[in-house]
Structures are given as C-alpha cells and as structure tokens.
C-alpha cells in the first residue's frame, strides 16, 4: 500500500481536533470516530485524553467498548494519550469502583498520579524512537491530571520515564523513575499530551507503527 494511512481519533471526549491536526502533520489522514462503522474503516486509532471513567461510560453508551476490545485483540494499532493510556492498561490503581479498561498492554497504571488540574506542568523528555534519531531533541510534553505506569510486563518496551531530578537539579519526589511512555507491539501509550505542544513526533511514531502494520 502506498496511500497515507487513515487514523481515527475517538471523538467522545478530549482534544480530538488537535490530534487530527497532529496526525495530518505526521502524514496520515485523521478522522473522528464515534460509530462502529467508522472504527471499522480506520487503519489505526488514537484514544485522546479526558476523564477515563467518563470515556469508559461513553464507550458503552455508543456500543464501542466490545468492538474496540476485539479490534485491539485483532491487532489494530492504537495510541492512548493520558486517559487513553489508562484505557490501554490491563490494570488500574486509583480507579473508581467498577471502572473498566480496554486493556492490551501488560502494565499497571495509576490514575491521576501527578495530582489535580492545578498540578499540571510541562517538561522536556527523552523518548526512545524519537529523540534518539539523528538530530533528535527532547520532546516537549504536557502533563494534565496525568497517570503514570507503576510496573510493566516483559513484553512492554519502556520509551520514557520521569528523570530522577528536574532540569534545575531539584528532586521530583514520587514521580522519579515512573514510566510515562511505553509500547507493546502495535499499542503505544503516553501519560502526557503531545497534541497541545506543537510537537508531532509522537504522532509520527504512531503513524510509522500504523504504516508498518498495513504492510505485514
């Protein structure tokens, strides 16, 4: 296949337009997805940020939860950002009673690990597969009520962790060393929002995953 891949953005909550724009910067055709027929027409899917419990409920209201779980099991490439990272995790810490995930990634994610909205922050991080490319520079990341992964299985590739110390040399507390970006096969997850910082390289990495899956 030589045409650009079509990558959907789950359009139930979150920065849908911003993700579509970033995907198009990365060479894909970005489209919103709200219905099963739209899900079945894409080569890959982005799960944007938002409130993970609300997205979980909306997935069931729109009758997308089971089709999406089946698509993930069948090899659909999916990228989860912030709340999307929670949805892709097999296990949650700090979730509400009855909260469900889509699963697929063998990791345990702590919901709202970095605190409340007022604790949001931006940081430059090294991200494997992006900043280690020739001429690569750190990725500007935005954390908004973000999760982190507390543990990951042997099949999960850790792409980024919070450094042990901040750029000014100060400590970063309990966040030090926590996983904030990971990949397992065709699934990619970040605790941060790359769509709002103007850096489309994480989306470009996902488009590469989608493109490779179309060739296999």
N, C-alpha and C. Protein backbone atom coordinates (compact mmCIF):
# COMPACT_ATOMS: atom_id res chain seq x y z
N UNK A 1 0.83 -1.20 0.00
CA UNK A 1 0.00 0.00 0.00
C UNK A 1 0.87 1.25 0.00
N UNK A 2 0.49 2.22 -0.81
CA UNK A 2 1.28 3.44 -0.90
C UNK A 2 0.51 4.65 -0.40
N UNK A 3 -0.81 4.57 -0.27
CA UNK A 3 -1.59 5.71 0.20
C UNK A 3 -1.33 5.94 1.69
N UNK A 4 -1.57 7.18 2.10
CA UNK A 4 -1.39 7.51 3.51
C UNK A 4 -2.42 6.76 4.34
N UNK A 5 -2.05 6.28 5.52
CA UNK A 5 -3.00 5.55 6.35
C UNK A 5 -4.09 6.47 6.90
N UNK A 6 -5.25 5.89 7.15
CA UNK A 6 -6.34 6.61 7.79
C UNK A 6 -6.31 6.26 9.27
N UNK A 7 -6.15 7.27 10.10
CA UNK A 7 -6.06 7.06 11.55
C UNK A 7 -7.22 7.80 12.21
N UNK A 8 -8.02 7.06 12.96
CA UNK A 8 -9.14 7.67 13.64
C UNK A 8 -8.74 8.23 14.99
N UNK A 9 -9.54 9.19 15.46
CA UNK A 9 -9.42 9.72 16.82
C UNK A 9 -10.77 9.52 17.50
N UNK A 10 -10.78 8.77 18.58
CA UNK A 10 -12.03 8.54 19.30
C UNK A 10 -12.61 9.88 19.72
N UNK A 11 -13.79 10.20 19.22
CA UNK A 11 -14.33 11.55 19.37
C UNK A 11 -15.47 11.59 20.37
N UNK A 12 -15.25 11.03 21.55
CA UNK A 12 -16.24 11.07 22.62
C UNK A 12 -15.90 12.13 23.67
N UNK A 13 -14.61 12.49 23.77
CA UNK A 13 -14.14 13.49 24.74
C UNK A 13 -12.69 13.78 24.41
N UNK A 14 -12.20 14.95 24.80
CA UNK A 14 -10.78 15.23 24.67
C UNK A 14 -10.42 16.07 23.46
N UNK A 15 -9.09 16.17 23.22
CA UNK A 15 -8.55 17.06 22.17
C UNK A 15 -8.62 16.39 20.79
N UNK A 16 -9.82 16.18 20.30
CA UNK A 16 -9.98 15.46 19.03
C UNK A 16 -9.35 16.24 17.88
N UNK A 17 -9.71 17.51 17.74
CA UNK A 17 -9.21 18.32 16.62
C UNK A 17 -7.68 18.42 16.66
N UNK A 18 -7.13 18.59 17.85
CA UNK A 18 -5.67 18.72 17.97
C UNK A 18 -4.96 17.43 17.55
N UNK A 19 -5.53 16.28 17.91
CA UNK A 19 -4.94 15.01 17.50
C UNK A 19 -5.05 14.82 15.99
N UNK A 20 -6.19 15.18 15.42
CA UNK A 20 -6.36 15.09 13.96
C UNK A 20 -5.31 15.95 13.25
N UNK A 21 -5.11 17.17 13.74
CA UNK A 21 -4.12 18.06 13.14
C UNK A 21 -2.71 17.46 13.22
N UNK A 22 -2.35 16.90 14.39
CA UNK A 22 -1.02 16.32 14.57
C UNK A 22 -0.83 15.10 13.67
N UNK A 23 -1.87 14.28 13.52
CA UNK A 23 -1.79 13.12 12.63
C UNK A 23 -1.57 13.55 11.19
N UNK A 24 -2.24 14.61 10.78
CA UNK A 24 -2.08 15.08 9.41
C UNK A 24 -0.70 15.68 9.20
N UNK A 25 -0.15 16.34 10.22
CA UNK A 25 1.24 16.81 10.14
C UNK A 25 2.19 15.63 9.97
N UNK A 26 1.82 14.48 10.56
CA UNK A 26 2.68 13.29 10.51
C UNK A 26 2.45 12.44 9.26
N UNK A 27 1.57 12.90 8.38
CA UNK A 27 1.40 12.21 7.09
C UNK A 27 0.24 11.26 7.01
N UNK A 28 -0.65 11.25 8.00
CA UNK A 28 -1.83 10.39 7.97
C UNK A 28 -3.06 11.21 7.63
N UNK A 29 -4.13 10.52 7.31
CA UNK A 29 -5.44 11.14 7.16
C UNK A 29 -6.17 10.94 8.48
N UNK A 30 -6.39 12.01 9.23
CA UNK A 30 -7.04 11.91 10.53
C UNK A 30 -8.54 12.10 10.42
N UNK A 31 -9.31 11.23 11.09
CA UNK A 31 -10.76 11.31 11.05
C UNK A 31 -11.33 11.05 12.44
N UNK A 32 -12.42 11.70 12.82
CA UNK A 32 -13.08 11.39 14.10
C UNK A 32 -13.82 10.07 14.03
N UNK A 33 -13.88 9.36 15.15
CA UNK A 33 -14.58 8.08 15.22
C UNK A 33 -15.56 8.11 16.38
N UNK A 34 -16.83 7.91 16.06
CA UNK A 34 -17.88 7.84 17.09
C UNK A 34 -18.75 6.59 16.93
N UNK A 35 -18.68 5.95 15.78
CA UNK A 35 -19.56 4.83 15.49
C UNK A 35 -18.75 3.61 15.09
N UNK A 36 -19.37 2.45 15.22
CA UNK A 36 -18.69 1.19 14.91
C UNK A 36 -18.24 1.16 13.45
N UNK A 37 -19.09 1.64 12.54
CA UNK A 37 -18.73 1.64 11.12
C UNK A 37 -17.49 2.49 10.87
N UNK A 38 -17.37 3.61 11.60
CA UNK A 38 -16.19 4.47 11.46
C UNK A 38 -14.96 3.79 12.02
N UNK A 39 -15.12 3.06 13.12
CA UNK A 39 -14.00 2.30 13.69
C UNK A 39 -13.50 1.25 12.71
N UNK A 40 -14.42 0.58 12.05
CA UNK A 40 -14.04 -0.49 11.13
C UNK A 40 -13.35 0.02 9.87
N UNK A 41 -13.41 1.35 9.62
CA UNK A 41 -12.85 1.91 8.40
C UNK A 41 -11.44 2.48 8.57
N UNK A 42 -10.88 2.45 9.80
CA UNK A 42 -9.58 3.07 10.03
C UNK A 42 -8.46 2.03 10.12
N UNK A 43 -7.24 2.49 9.86
CA UNK A 43 -6.05 1.64 9.95
C UNK A 43 -5.43 1.68 11.35
N UNK A 44 -5.78 2.69 12.13
CA UNK A 44 -5.28 2.85 13.48
C UNK A 44 -6.18 3.81 14.22
N UNK A 45 -6.02 3.90 15.54
CA UNK A 45 -6.91 4.74 16.34
C UNK A 45 -6.15 5.41 17.47
N UNK A 46 -6.48 6.67 17.72
CA UNK A 46 -5.96 7.42 18.86
C UNK A 46 -7.06 7.52 19.92
N UNK A 47 -6.70 7.19 21.16
CA UNK A 47 -7.58 7.39 22.31
C UNK A 47 -7.09 8.65 23.01
N UNK A 48 -7.80 9.77 22.91
CA UNK A 48 -7.29 11.03 23.47
C UNK A 48 -7.48 11.11 24.98
N UNK A 49 -6.95 12.19 25.54
CA UNK A 49 -7.13 12.43 26.96
C UNK A 49 -8.55 12.84 27.28
N UNK A 50 -8.79 13.09 28.55
CA UNK A 50 -10.12 13.41 29.04
C UNK A 50 -10.26 12.82 30.43
N UNK A 51 -11.43 12.33 30.76
CA UNK A 51 -11.67 11.69 32.06
C UNK A 51 -11.92 10.21 31.77
N UNK A 52 -11.02 9.37 32.24
CA UNK A 52 -11.04 7.96 31.86
C UNK A 52 -12.34 7.26 32.23
N UNK A 53 -12.92 7.63 33.39
CA UNK A 53 -14.18 6.99 33.79
C UNK A 53 -15.33 7.42 32.89
N UNK A 54 -15.32 8.68 32.47
CA UNK A 54 -16.36 9.17 31.55
C UNK A 54 -16.23 8.50 30.19
N UNK A 55 -14.99 8.40 29.69
CA UNK A 55 -14.79 7.74 28.39
C UNK A 55 -15.23 6.29 28.46
N UNK A 56 -14.93 5.62 29.56
CA UNK A 56 -15.37 4.24 29.74
C UNK A 56 -16.89 4.15 29.61
N UNK A 57 -17.62 5.04 30.28
CA UNK A 57 -19.08 5.02 30.22
C UNK A 57 -19.57 5.33 28.81
N UNK A 58 -18.96 6.30 28.15
CA UNK A 58 -19.39 6.67 26.80
C UNK A 58 -19.11 5.56 25.79
N UNK A 59 -18.01 4.84 25.98
CA UNK A 59 -17.74 3.71 25.09
C UNK A 59 -18.88 2.70 25.12
N UNK A 60 -19.46 2.50 26.29
CA UNK A 60 -20.58 1.57 26.39
C UNK A 60 -21.87 2.20 25.87
N UNK A 61 -22.08 3.48 26.10
CA UNK A 61 -23.27 4.16 25.57
C UNK A 61 -23.28 4.09 24.04
N UNK A 62 -22.12 4.32 23.42
CA UNK A 62 -22.02 4.31 21.96
C UNK A 62 -21.77 2.91 21.40
N UNK A 63 -21.80 1.90 22.26
CA UNK A 63 -21.63 0.50 21.87
C UNK A 63 -20.31 0.28 21.11
N UNK A 64 -19.26 0.92 21.64
CA UNK A 64 -17.94 0.80 21.03
C UNK A 64 -16.97 -0.02 21.87
N UNK A 65 -17.28 -0.26 23.13
CA UNK A 65 -16.32 -0.92 24.02
C UNK A 65 -15.93 -2.30 23.52
N UNK A 66 -16.89 -3.15 23.27
CA UNK A 66 -16.57 -4.51 22.85
C UNK A 66 -15.97 -4.56 21.46
N UNK A 67 -16.51 -3.81 20.47
CA UNK A 67 -15.84 -3.80 19.16
C UNK A 67 -14.40 -3.31 19.23
N UNK A 68 -14.14 -2.34 20.11
CA UNK A 68 -12.77 -1.82 20.21
C UNK A 68 -11.86 -2.83 20.89
N UNK A 69 -12.34 -3.50 21.93
CA UNK A 69 -11.54 -4.57 22.55
C UNK A 69 -11.20 -5.65 21.52
N UNK A 70 -12.20 -6.03 20.73
CA UNK A 70 -11.97 -7.05 19.71
C UNK A 70 -10.97 -6.58 18.66
N UNK A 71 -11.05 -5.31 18.28
CA UNK A 71 -10.12 -4.77 17.28
C UNK A 71 -8.70 -4.75 17.83
N UNK A 72 -8.54 -4.40 19.11
CA UNK A 72 -7.22 -4.41 19.73
C UNK A 72 -6.67 -5.84 19.74
N UNK A 73 -7.51 -6.79 20.13
CA UNK A 73 -7.09 -8.20 20.15
C UNK A 73 -6.71 -8.68 18.75
N UNK A 74 -7.35 -8.09 17.74
CA UNK A 74 -7.10 -8.50 16.35
C UNK A 74 -5.92 -7.76 15.74
N UNK A 75 -5.28 -6.86 16.51
CA UNK A 75 -4.07 -6.21 16.02
C UNK A 75 -4.20 -4.79 15.55
N UNK A 76 -5.35 -4.12 15.82
CA UNK A 76 -5.48 -2.72 15.42
C UNK A 76 -4.45 -1.87 16.17
N UNK A 77 -3.63 -1.07 15.47
CA UNK A 77 -2.72 -0.16 16.17
C UNK A 77 -3.51 0.92 16.91
N UNK A 78 -3.19 1.13 18.17
CA UNK A 78 -3.89 2.12 18.98
C UNK A 78 -2.87 2.91 19.79
N UNK A 79 -3.05 4.23 19.82
CA UNK A 79 -2.23 5.11 20.64
C UNK A 79 -3.11 5.77 21.68
N UNK A 80 -2.78 5.61 22.95
CA UNK A 80 -3.53 6.21 24.03
C UNK A 80 -2.74 7.30 24.71
N UNK A 81 -3.33 8.51 24.80
CA UNK A 81 -2.68 9.66 25.43
C UNK A 81 -3.42 9.99 26.72
N UNK A 82 -2.70 10.04 27.85
CA UNK A 82 -3.24 10.39 29.16
C UNK A 82 -4.37 9.43 29.55
N UNK A 83 -5.63 9.84 29.48
CA UNK A 83 -6.72 8.92 29.78
C UNK A 83 -6.67 7.70 28.86
N UNK A 84 -6.20 7.91 27.63
CA UNK A 84 -6.05 6.80 26.70
C UNK A 84 -5.04 5.77 27.18
N UNK A 85 -4.01 6.23 27.90
CA UNK A 85 -3.04 5.31 28.48
C UNK A 85 -3.71 4.43 29.53
N UNK A 86 -4.59 5.03 30.32
CA UNK A 86 -5.33 4.26 31.33
C UNK A 86 -6.20 3.21 30.65
N UNK A 87 -6.86 3.60 29.56
CA UNK A 87 -7.76 2.68 28.86
C UNK A 87 -7.01 1.49 28.25
N UNK A 88 -5.75 1.69 27.87
CA UNK A 88 -4.99 0.60 27.26
C UNK A 88 -4.33 -0.32 28.29
N UNK A 89 -4.28 0.12 29.54
CA UNK A 89 -3.62 -0.68 30.58
C UNK A 89 -4.48 -1.86 30.98
N UNK A 90 -3.83 -2.96 31.31
CA UNK A 90 -4.56 -4.12 31.81
C UNK A 90 -5.02 -3.94 33.26
N UNK A 91 -4.33 -3.06 34.00
CA UNK A 91 -4.64 -2.89 35.43
C UNK A 91 -4.58 -1.42 35.83
N UNK A 92 -5.48 -1.02 36.74
CA UNK A 92 -5.53 0.37 37.22
C UNK A 92 -5.35 0.39 38.73
N UNK A 93 -4.61 1.39 39.21
CA UNK A 93 -4.56 1.73 40.63
C UNK A 93 -5.20 3.10 40.77
N UNK A 94 -6.08 3.24 41.76
CA UNK A 94 -6.71 4.53 41.99
C UNK A 94 -7.95 4.78 41.14
N UNK A 95 -8.46 3.76 40.48
CA UNK A 95 -9.69 3.91 39.71
C UNK A 95 -10.90 3.91 40.62
N UNK A 96 -12.05 4.27 40.08
CA UNK A 96 -13.28 4.23 40.85
C UNK A 96 -13.88 2.83 40.77
N UNK A 97 -14.79 2.54 41.67
CA UNK A 97 -15.41 1.21 41.70
C UNK A 97 -16.11 0.92 40.37
N UNK A 98 -15.80 -0.24 39.81
CA UNK A 98 -16.42 -0.66 38.56
C UNK A 98 -15.77 -0.12 37.31
N UNK A 99 -14.70 0.68 37.45
CA UNK A 99 -14.07 1.24 36.27
C UNK A 99 -13.42 0.14 35.44
N UNK A 100 -13.65 0.21 34.12
CA UNK A 100 -13.13 -0.81 33.21
C UNK A 100 -12.13 -0.19 32.24
N UNK A 101 -11.26 -1.03 31.72
CA UNK A 101 -10.34 -0.58 30.67
C UNK A 101 -10.58 -1.44 29.43
N UNK A 102 -9.97 -1.01 28.33
CA UNK A 102 -9.97 -1.82 27.12
C UNK A 102 -8.90 -2.88 27.20
N UNK A 103 -7.78 -2.53 27.85
CA UNK A 103 -6.68 -3.47 28.02
C UNK A 103 -5.87 -3.66 26.75
N UNK A 104 -4.89 -4.53 26.87
CA UNK A 104 -4.00 -4.82 25.74
C UNK A 104 -2.54 -4.65 26.09
N UNK A 105 -2.24 -3.75 27.04
CA UNK A 105 -0.87 -3.52 27.45
C UNK A 105 -0.66 -4.06 28.86
N UNK A 106 0.35 -4.86 29.02
CA UNK A 106 0.62 -5.53 30.29
C UNK A 106 1.31 -4.55 31.25
N UNK A 107 0.53 -3.63 31.77
CA UNK A 107 1.09 -2.66 32.71
C UNK A 107 0.03 -2.23 33.71
N UNK A 108 0.51 -1.74 34.84
CA UNK A 108 -0.35 -1.21 35.89
C UNK A 108 -0.21 0.30 35.91
N UNK A 109 -1.31 1.00 35.71
CA UNK A 109 -1.29 2.46 35.61
C UNK A 109 -2.02 3.07 36.80
N UNK A 110 -1.42 4.11 37.38
CA UNK A 110 -2.05 4.84 38.49
C UNK A 110 -2.78 6.05 37.92
N UNK A 111 -4.07 6.09 38.14
CA UNK A 111 -4.91 7.19 37.67
C UNK A 111 -4.63 8.46 38.47
N UNK A 112 -4.58 9.61 37.76
CA UNK A 112 -4.35 10.93 38.39
C UNK A 112 -3.09 10.91 39.27
N UNK A 113 -2.06 10.24 38.83
CA UNK A 113 -0.86 10.05 39.65
C UNK A 113 -0.15 11.37 39.96
N UNK A 114 -0.19 12.31 39.02
CA UNK A 114 0.53 13.56 39.20
C UNK A 114 -0.29 14.62 39.94
N UNK A 115 -1.50 14.28 40.34
CA UNK A 115 -2.29 15.22 41.12
C UNK A 115 -3.41 15.86 40.34
N UNK A 116 -3.89 16.98 40.86
CA UNK A 116 -5.07 17.64 40.33
C UNK A 116 -4.72 18.55 39.15
N UNK A 117 -5.75 19.18 38.56
CA UNK A 117 -5.57 20.06 37.42
C UNK A 117 -4.54 21.15 37.72
N UNK A 118 -4.55 21.67 38.94
CA UNK A 118 -3.63 22.76 39.29
C UNK A 118 -2.19 22.28 39.34
N UNK A 119 -1.98 20.98 39.36
CA UNK A 119 -0.62 20.44 39.40
C UNK A 119 -0.07 20.15 37.99
N UNK A 120 -0.80 20.57 36.96
CA UNK A 120 -0.35 20.35 35.59
C UNK A 120 0.99 21.03 35.33
N UNK A 121 1.78 20.46 34.43
CA UNK A 121 3.10 21.03 34.14
C UNK A 121 3.57 20.58 32.77
N UNK A 122 4.59 21.23 32.26
CA UNK A 122 5.24 20.84 31.01
C UNK A 122 6.68 20.47 31.30
N UNK A 123 7.23 19.56 30.49
CA UNK A 123 8.62 19.13 30.68
C UNK A 123 9.18 18.64 29.35
N UNK A 124 10.50 18.72 29.22
CA UNK A 124 11.19 18.15 28.06
C UNK A 124 11.71 16.78 28.44
N UNK A 125 11.34 15.76 27.64
CA UNK A 125 11.71 14.39 27.95
C UNK A 125 12.39 13.72 26.77
N UNK A 126 13.31 12.81 27.07
CA UNK A 126 13.87 11.94 26.05
C UNK A 126 12.90 10.78 25.84
N UNK A 127 12.61 10.48 24.57
CA UNK A 127 11.65 9.45 24.23
C UNK A 127 12.28 8.51 23.21
N UNK A 128 12.46 7.25 23.60
CA UNK A 128 13.07 6.27 22.70
C UNK A 128 12.25 6.18 21.41
N UNK A 129 12.96 6.10 20.28
CA UNK A 129 12.30 6.05 19.00
C UNK A 129 12.03 7.41 18.40
N UNK A 130 12.26 8.47 19.20
CA UNK A 130 12.04 9.84 18.74
C UNK A 130 13.29 10.67 18.95
N UNK A 131 13.70 10.85 20.19
CA UNK A 131 14.85 11.72 20.46
C UNK A 131 16.17 11.04 20.16
N UNK A 132 16.18 9.71 19.99
CA UNK A 132 17.43 9.03 19.66
C UNK A 132 17.67 8.96 18.16
N UNK A 133 16.79 9.57 17.36
CA UNK A 133 17.01 9.67 15.92
C UNK A 133 18.10 10.71 15.65
N UNK A 134 18.78 10.64 14.51
CA UNK A 134 19.80 11.64 14.20
C UNK A 134 19.25 13.06 14.29
N UNK A 135 19.92 13.89 15.06
CA UNK A 135 19.46 15.27 15.24
C UNK A 135 18.28 15.41 16.17
N UNK A 136 17.92 14.34 16.86
CA UNK A 136 16.76 14.37 17.73
C UNK A 136 16.96 15.27 18.93
N UNK A 137 15.91 15.92 19.35
CA UNK A 137 15.91 16.78 20.52
C UNK A 137 14.81 16.31 21.47
N UNK A 138 14.88 16.68 22.76
CA UNK A 138 13.83 16.25 23.69
C UNK A 138 12.43 16.66 23.22
N UNK A 139 11.46 15.87 23.61
CA UNK A 139 10.06 16.12 23.27
C UNK A 139 9.43 16.99 24.34
N UNK A 140 8.77 18.06 23.92
CA UNK A 140 8.05 18.91 24.87
C UNK A 140 6.75 18.22 25.22
N UNK A 141 6.52 17.99 26.50
CA UNK A 141 5.36 17.23 26.94
C UNK A 141 4.52 18.03 27.93
N UNK A 142 3.22 17.79 27.92
CA UNK A 142 2.29 18.45 28.83
C UNK A 142 1.57 17.39 29.65
N UNK A 143 1.64 17.51 30.97
CA UNK A 143 1.00 16.58 31.89
C UNK A 143 -0.18 17.28 32.56
N UNK A 144 -1.39 16.75 32.37
CA UNK A 144 -2.61 17.34 32.91
C UNK A 144 -3.40 16.25 33.62
N UNK A 145 -3.41 16.28 34.93
CA UNK A 145 -4.05 15.21 35.74
C UNK A 145 -3.62 13.85 35.20
N UNK A 146 -2.34 13.71 34.98
CA UNK A 146 -1.81 12.59 34.21
C UNK A 146 -1.61 11.33 35.07
N UNK A 147 -1.67 10.17 34.42
CA UNK A 147 -1.31 8.92 35.07
C UNK A 147 0.18 8.66 34.94
N UNK A 148 0.64 7.60 35.56
CA UNK A 148 1.94 7.02 35.22
C UNK A 148 1.80 5.51 35.35
N UNK A 149 2.72 4.79 34.75
CA UNK A 149 2.72 3.33 34.86
C UNK A 149 3.67 2.94 35.99
N UNK A 150 3.15 2.18 36.94
CA UNK A 150 3.96 1.77 38.09
C UNK A 150 4.74 0.50 37.82
N UNK A 151 4.26 -0.32 36.91
CA UNK A 151 5.00 -1.52 36.53
C UNK A 151 4.58 -1.93 35.13
N UNK A 152 5.48 -2.63 34.44
CA UNK A 152 5.21 -3.08 33.08
C UNK A 152 5.78 -4.47 32.88
N UNK A 153 5.07 -5.28 32.12
CA UNK A 153 5.50 -6.64 31.85
C UNK A 153 6.67 -6.72 30.90
N UNK A 154 7.17 -7.92 30.71
CA UNK A 154 8.39 -8.13 29.92
C UNK A 154 8.20 -7.79 28.44
N UNK A 155 6.96 -7.81 27.95
CA UNK A 155 6.72 -7.52 26.54
C UNK A 155 6.50 -6.03 26.28
N UNK A 156 6.50 -5.24 27.34
CA UNK A 156 6.30 -3.80 27.21
C UNK A 156 7.65 -3.11 27.09
N UNK A 157 7.81 -2.30 26.06
CA UNK A 157 9.02 -1.51 25.87
C UNK A 157 8.81 -0.14 26.51
N UNK A 158 9.62 0.18 27.50
CA UNK A 158 9.52 1.49 28.14
C UNK A 158 10.23 2.52 27.27
N UNK A 159 9.50 3.55 26.87
CA UNK A 159 10.05 4.58 25.99
C UNK A 159 10.52 5.82 26.73
N UNK A 160 9.90 6.11 27.87
CA UNK A 160 10.29 7.31 28.63
C UNK A 160 9.91 7.16 30.09
N UNK A 161 10.76 7.70 30.94
CA UNK A 161 10.50 7.78 32.38
C UNK A 161 10.72 9.21 32.84
N UNK A 162 10.12 9.55 33.95
CA UNK A 162 10.41 10.84 34.59
C UNK A 162 11.83 10.77 35.13
N UNK A 163 12.68 11.77 34.83
CA UNK A 163 14.06 11.75 35.34
C UNK A 163 14.09 11.76 36.87
N UNK A 164 15.21 11.31 37.40
CA UNK A 164 15.37 11.31 38.85
C UNK A 164 15.41 12.72 39.44
N UNK A 165 15.86 13.69 38.62
CA UNK A 165 15.90 15.07 39.09
C UNK A 165 15.41 15.99 37.99
N UNK A 166 14.82 17.11 38.36
CA UNK A 166 14.35 18.09 37.39
C UNK A 166 15.53 18.81 36.75
N UNK A 167 15.24 19.58 35.71
CA UNK A 167 16.30 20.28 34.97
C UNK A 167 17.07 21.25 35.85
N UNK A 168 16.41 21.78 36.87
CA UNK A 168 17.10 22.74 37.76
C UNK A 168 17.85 22.04 38.89
N UNK A 169 17.87 20.70 38.84
CA UNK A 169 18.60 19.94 39.85
C UNK A 169 17.79 19.54 41.06
N UNK A 170 16.56 20.02 41.15
CA UNK A 170 15.72 19.69 42.30
C UNK A 170 15.14 18.29 42.15
N UNK A 171 14.72 17.71 43.27
CA UNK A 171 14.11 16.40 43.24
C UNK A 171 12.70 16.44 42.67
N UNK A 172 12.21 15.30 42.22
CA UNK A 172 10.87 15.25 41.63
C UNK A 172 9.94 14.35 42.45
N UNK A 173 10.38 13.97 43.64
CA UNK A 173 9.52 13.23 44.55
C UNK A 173 9.16 11.84 44.05
N UNK A 174 7.91 11.47 44.31
CA UNK A 174 7.44 10.11 44.00
C UNK A 174 7.41 9.83 42.50
N UNK A 175 7.43 10.85 41.67
CA UNK A 175 7.37 10.66 40.22
C UNK A 175 8.69 10.14 39.64
N UNK A 176 9.77 10.26 40.37
CA UNK A 176 11.09 9.90 39.86
C UNK A 176 11.10 8.46 39.34
N UNK A 177 11.51 8.31 38.10
CA UNK A 177 11.65 6.99 37.50
C UNK A 177 10.37 6.35 37.01
N UNK A 178 9.23 7.02 37.17
CA UNK A 178 7.96 6.43 36.74
C UNK A 178 7.86 6.41 35.22
N UNK A 179 7.19 5.39 34.72
CA UNK A 179 7.04 5.21 33.26
C UNK A 179 5.94 6.15 32.76
N UNK A 180 6.28 6.94 31.73
CA UNK A 180 5.29 7.86 31.16
C UNK A 180 5.11 7.68 29.66
N UNK A 181 5.82 6.72 29.08
CA UNK A 181 5.59 6.36 27.68
C UNK A 181 6.03 4.92 27.48
N UNK A 182 5.21 4.16 26.75
CA UNK A 182 5.52 2.75 26.58
C UNK A 182 4.89 2.23 25.29
N UNK A 183 5.42 1.11 24.84
CA UNK A 183 4.88 0.47 23.63
C UNK A 183 4.85 -1.04 23.84
N UNK A 184 3.79 -1.67 23.36
CA UNK A 184 3.71 -3.12 23.33
C UNK A 184 3.15 -3.51 21.97
N UNK A 185 4.03 -3.95 21.09
CA UNK A 185 3.60 -4.30 19.74
C UNK A 185 3.04 -3.10 19.02
N UNK A 186 1.78 -3.19 18.62
CA UNK A 186 1.11 -2.12 17.87
C UNK A 186 0.41 -1.12 18.78
N UNK A 187 0.60 -1.25 20.08
CA UNK A 187 -0.03 -0.34 21.03
C UNK A 187 1.01 0.62 21.60
N UNK A 188 0.67 1.89 21.64
CA UNK A 188 1.55 2.96 22.12
C UNK A 188 0.78 3.77 23.15
N UNK A 189 1.45 4.16 24.23
CA UNK A 189 0.77 4.93 25.28
C UNK A 189 1.71 5.97 25.85
N UNK A 190 1.17 7.16 26.10
CA UNK A 190 1.91 8.21 26.80
C UNK A 190 1.04 8.80 27.89
N UNK A 191 1.65 9.17 29.00
CA UNK A 191 0.92 9.82 30.09
C UNK A 191 0.66 11.29 29.77
N UNK A 192 1.38 11.82 28.82
CA UNK A 192 1.32 13.25 28.50
C UNK A 192 0.54 13.50 27.21
N UNK A 193 0.32 14.79 26.94
CA UNK A 193 -0.43 15.26 25.77
C UNK A 193 0.53 15.88 24.75
N UNK A 194 0.98 15.15 23.74
CA UNK A 194 1.84 15.79 22.74
C UNK A 194 1.06 16.65 21.75
N UNK A 195 -0.24 16.48 21.71
CA UNK A 195 -1.05 17.20 20.70
C UNK A 195 -1.18 18.68 21.01
N UNK A 196 -0.86 19.11 22.24
CA UNK A 196 -1.06 20.52 22.59
C UNK A 196 0.24 21.30 22.69
N UNK A 197 1.36 20.66 22.39
CA UNK A 197 2.65 21.36 22.48
C UNK A 197 3.24 21.69 21.12
N UNK A 198 2.57 21.28 20.03
CA UNK A 198 3.05 21.60 18.69
C UNK A 198 4.14 20.68 18.18
N UNK A 199 4.43 19.58 18.92
CA UNK A 199 5.46 18.62 18.51
C UNK A 199 4.75 17.35 18.05
N UNK A 200 4.78 17.10 16.74
CA UNK A 200 4.03 15.96 16.16
C UNK A 200 4.86 14.69 16.06
N UNK A 201 6.01 14.64 16.72
CA UNK A 201 6.88 13.47 16.54
C UNK A 201 6.33 12.20 17.18
N UNK A 202 5.59 12.33 18.27
CA UNK A 202 4.96 11.14 18.85
C UNK A 202 3.91 10.60 17.90
N UNK A 203 3.14 11.48 17.29
CA UNK A 203 2.16 11.05 16.30
C UNK A 203 2.84 10.44 15.08
N UNK A 204 3.99 11.00 14.71
CA UNK A 204 4.74 10.42 13.59
C UNK A 204 5.20 9.01 13.91
N UNK A 205 5.61 8.77 15.15
CA UNK A 205 5.99 7.43 15.58
C UNK A 205 4.79 6.49 15.46
N UNK A 206 3.62 6.96 15.88
CA UNK A 206 2.44 6.11 15.78
C UNK A 206 2.06 5.86 14.32
N UNK A 207 2.16 6.86 13.48
CA UNK A 207 1.87 6.67 12.05
C UNK A 207 2.82 5.63 11.45
N UNK A 208 4.08 5.62 11.89
CA UNK A 208 5.02 4.58 11.44
C UNK A 208 4.53 3.20 11.85
N UNK A 209 4.03 3.07 13.09
CA UNK A 209 3.51 1.79 13.57
C UNK A 209 2.32 1.36 12.71
N UNK A 210 1.42 2.31 12.43
CA UNK A 210 0.24 2.00 11.61
C UNK A 210 0.66 1.59 10.21
N UNK A 211 1.58 2.33 9.62
CA UNK A 211 2.03 2.03 8.25
C UNK A 211 2.68 0.66 8.18
N UNK A 212 3.50 0.34 9.17
CA UNK A 212 4.15 -0.98 9.20
C UNK A 212 3.13 -2.09 9.33
N UNK A 213 2.07 -1.86 10.11
CA UNK A 213 1.06 -2.90 10.30
C UNK A 213 0.28 -3.16 9.01
N UNK A 214 0.15 -2.14 8.15
CA UNK A 214 -0.56 -2.34 6.88
C UNK A 214 0.25 -3.18 5.91
N UNK A 215 1.56 -3.18 6.10
CA UNK A 215 2.43 -3.93 5.20
C UNK A 215 2.62 -5.38 5.63
N UNK A 216 2.29 -5.69 6.89
CA UNK A 216 2.54 -7.02 7.42
C UNK A 216 1.40 -7.98 7.09
